[in-house]
Amino acid sequence: MKKRFLHRNDWTRIIQRDYSIEQINEKDFNGFIALIKMNEVKEPLITEYLIKKLCIVDNNYLWLQQLPLNENFAITSMFNENGEIIQWYIDITYENGVENGEPYMMDLFLDIVVLPTGEIIEKDKDELEEALHNNWITKSQYDFAYRVFNQVLKQIHEGTFNTLI
């Protein structure tokens, strides 16, 4: 598993950033909301889904991250320099927590991307298979990842996954 901190200070692609974080303890959400504004990046990051190329990192792009502490996923809403949504990226996680005051997620490899058009992309099943094959995760963690993944997908399709901003 990969431990990822919301601040993403280890990401050298970002040259200059603004970062803010808020802890929220409400009935509908208990966790952290973090905002990264990428003021300057070394180079844009282009990804490709369904034969479409999308720029998800560039100068003045924003990533709004939601890390609910009582769930097994994290959501990153990605915005371009004009504030338009590019995509929602949902990481399936083994746990979400706090270490030395910094929120983190234990990433279980599987991801879901939701595009503004409503298209849904299931990602990184091959990475989860590789993690199991290499004993980076247990069979129990593998099965857990798919249970959460399928539950989130079902909620997205039913319109009940209401944490997408």
Protein backbone atom coordinates (compact mmCIF):
# COMPACT_ATOMS: atom_id res chain seq x y z
CA MET A 1 0.00 0.00 0.00
CA LYS A 2 1.05 3.57 -0.53
CA LYS A 3 0.72 6.11 2.27
CA ARG A 4 -0.22 9.47 0.76
CA PHE A 5 -0.39 12.70 2.71
CA LEU A 6 -2.85 15.38 1.60
CA HIS A 7 -0.17 18.09 1.48
CA ARG A 8 1.69 16.12 -1.24
CA ASN A 9 4.94 17.79 -0.29
CA ASP A 10 6.82 14.91 -1.90
CA TRP A 11 5.47 15.80 -5.32
CA THR A 12 8.38 17.56 -7.04
CA ARG A 13 6.29 18.48 -10.11
CA ILE A 14 4.87 21.41 -8.14
CA ILE A 15 7.36 24.27 -7.88
CA GLN A 16 5.20 26.76 -5.98
CA ARG A 17 1.91 26.05 -4.22
CA ASP A 18 -0.62 27.39 -1.77
CA TYR A 19 -2.02 24.79 0.62
CA SER A 20 -4.79 25.04 3.15
CA ILE A 21 -6.56 22.43 5.21
CA GLU A 22 -9.63 22.34 7.41
CA GLN A 23 -10.84 19.66 9.77
CA ILE A 24 -14.61 19.24 9.72
CA ASN A 25 -16.67 17.45 12.36
CA GLU A 26 -20.24 17.47 11.10
CA LYS A 27 -23.00 14.88 11.03
CA ASP A 28 -22.56 14.30 7.29
CA PHE A 29 -18.76 14.61 7.13
CA ASN A 30 -16.02 13.90 9.64
CA GLY A 31 -12.58 14.40 8.22
CA PHE A 32 -10.39 16.83 6.33
CA ILE A 33 -10.80 19.09 3.33
CA ALA A 34 -7.55 20.27 1.76
CA LEU A 35 -6.95 22.65 -1.12
CA ILE A 36 -3.79 22.75 -3.20
CA LYS A 37 -3.36 25.60 -5.66
CA MET A 38 -0.56 24.79 -8.05
CA ASN A 39 0.78 28.26 -8.76
CA GLU A 40 3.72 26.96 -10.78
CA VAL A 41 4.53 23.45 -12.01
CA LYS A 42 7.59 22.05 -13.79
CA GLU A 43 5.40 20.69 -16.55
CA PRO A 44 1.73 19.92 -17.10
CA LEU A 45 0.45 16.43 -16.34
CA ILE A 46 -1.67 14.98 -19.12
CA THR A 47 -3.63 11.77 -18.61
CA GLU A 48 -5.63 9.78 -21.13
CA TYR A 49 -9.01 8.11 -20.63
CA LEU A 50 -11.32 6.69 -23.26
CA ILE A 51 -9.05 8.09 -25.99
CA LYS A 52 -9.42 11.59 -24.48
CA LYS A 53 -6.45 13.52 -23.18
CA LEU A 54 -7.00 15.60 -20.05
CA CYS A 55 -4.61 18.00 -18.41
CA ILE A 56 -4.99 17.49 -14.65
CA VAL A 57 -1.99 19.51 -13.43
CA ASP A 58 -0.81 22.87 -14.71
CA ASN A 59 -0.13 26.38 -13.49
CA ASN A 60 -3.01 27.76 -11.37
CA TYR A 61 -4.89 24.45 -11.23
CA LEU A 62 -6.69 23.53 -7.99
CA TRP A 63 -7.12 20.20 -6.28
CA LEU A 64 -9.77 20.02 -3.57
CA GLN A 65 -9.28 16.86 -1.54
CA GLN A 66 -11.87 15.28 0.74
CA LEU A 67 -10.61 12.74 3.27
CA PRO A 68 -13.45 11.34 5.37
CA LEU A 69 -12.02 9.59 8.43
CA ASN A 70 -14.89 7.13 8.73
CA GLU A 71 -14.81 5.92 5.11
CA ASN A 72 -12.45 3.95 2.89
CA PHE A 73 -12.05 6.38 0.05
CA ALA A 74 -10.71 9.84 -0.66
CA ILE A 75 -11.96 12.22 -3.33
CA THR A 76 -9.96 14.78 -5.28
CA SER A 77 -11.96 17.32 -7.27
CA MET A 78 -9.65 18.76 -9.93
CA PHE A 79 -10.21 22.23 -11.41
CA ASN A 80 -8.45 24.05 -14.25
CA GLU A 81 -7.19 27.63 -14.06
CA ASN A 82 -10.72 28.92 -14.85
CA GLY A 83 -12.28 27.02 -11.95
CA GLU A 84 -13.95 24.47 -14.25
CA ILE A 85 -14.14 20.90 -13.01
CA ILE A 86 -11.85 18.53 -14.90
CA GLN A 87 -12.64 15.34 -13.03
CA TRP A 88 -13.38 13.73 -9.69
CA TYR A 89 -10.74 11.17 -8.72
CA ILE A 90 -11.73 8.64 -6.06
CA ASP A 91 -8.98 6.65 -4.36
CA ILE A 92 -10.04 3.45 -2.62
CA THR A 93 -8.24 3.36 0.74
CA TYR A 94 -7.51 0.85 3.46
CA GLU A 95 -7.57 3.56 6.09
CA ASN A 96 -7.69 7.32 6.37
CA GLY A 97 -5.96 8.83 9.37
CA VAL A 98 -3.66 11.42 10.89
CA GLU A 99 0.06 11.06 11.61
CA ASN A 100 1.99 13.80 13.40
CA GLY A 101 -0.89 16.18 12.72
CA GLU A 102 -0.94 15.44 8.96
CA PRO A 103 -3.91 13.65 7.32
CA TYR A 104 -3.06 10.66 5.14
CA MET A 105 -4.65 7.81 3.23
CA MET A 106 -3.42 4.25 2.79
CA ASP A 107 -4.07 3.87 -0.93
CA LEU A 108 -5.36 0.45 -2.02
CA PHE A 109 -4.49 1.01 -5.70
CA LEU A 110 -8.05 0.88 -7.13
CA ASP A 111 -9.42 4.20 -8.38
CA ILE A 112 -12.56 5.59 -9.97
CA VAL A 113 -12.63 8.66 -12.18
CA VAL A 114 -15.87 10.53 -12.83
CA LEU A 115 -15.84 13.05 -15.68
CA PRO A 116 -18.19 16.05 -15.87
CA THR A 117 -19.90 14.30 -18.80
CA GLY A 118 -20.96 11.53 -16.41
CA GLU A 119 -18.51 9.01 -17.84
CA ILE A 120 -17.04 6.68 -15.22
CA ILE A 121 -13.58 5.14 -15.57
CA GLU A 122 -12.47 2.20 -13.44
CA LYS A 123 -8.72 2.43 -12.93
CA ASP A 124 -5.72 0.45 -11.77
CA LYS A 125 -7.18 -3.03 -11.42
CA ASP A 126 -3.86 -4.24 -12.83
CA GLU A 127 -2.00 -2.44 -10.03
CA LEU A 128 -4.15 -4.17 -7.41
CA GLU A 129 -3.45 -7.55 -9.06
CA GLU A 130 0.28 -6.78 -9.06
CA ALA A 131 0.15 -5.75 -5.39
CA LEU A 132 -1.49 -9.06 -4.46
CA HIS A 133 0.90 -11.07 -6.64
CA ASN A 134 3.94 -9.36 -5.04
CA ASN A 135 2.53 -9.73 -1.50
CA TRP A 136 2.36 -5.96 -1.02
CA ILE A 137 -1.20 -6.55 0.20
CA THR A 138 -3.00 -9.57 1.62
CA LYS A 139 -5.87 -11.43 -0.03
CA SER A 140 -8.12 -9.95 2.67
CA GLN A 141 -7.02 -6.41 1.71
CA TYR A 142 -7.50 -7.25 -1.97
CA ASP A 143 -11.07 -8.44 -1.31
CA PHE A 144 -11.71 -5.39 0.90
CA ALA A 145 -10.54 -3.05 -1.90
CA TYR A 146 -13.02 -4.61 -4.33
CA ARG A 147 -15.88 -4.49 -1.80
CA VAL A 148 -15.36 -0.75 -1.28
CA PHE A 149 -14.76 -0.15 -5.01
CA ASN A 150 -18.00 -1.91 -5.98
CA GLN A 151 -19.97 -0.15 -3.23
CA VAL A 152 -18.75 3.28 -4.37
CA LEU A 153 -19.46 2.44 -8.03
CA LYS A 154 -22.98 1.33 -7.13
CA GLN A 155 -23.61 4.57 -5.21
CA ILE A 156 -22.30 6.65 -8.13
CA HIS A 157 -24.59 4.84 -10.58
CA GLU A 158 -27.57 5.21 -8.21
CA GLY A 159 -26.83 8.90 -7.60
CA THR A 160 -26.39 8.37 -3.85
CA PHE A 161 -22.65 9.07 -3.68
CA ASN A 162 -23.20 12.64 -2.56
CA THR A 163 -19.70 13.62 -1.51
CA LEU A 164 -18.67 14.80 -4.98
CA ILE A 165 -18.26 18.57 -4.86
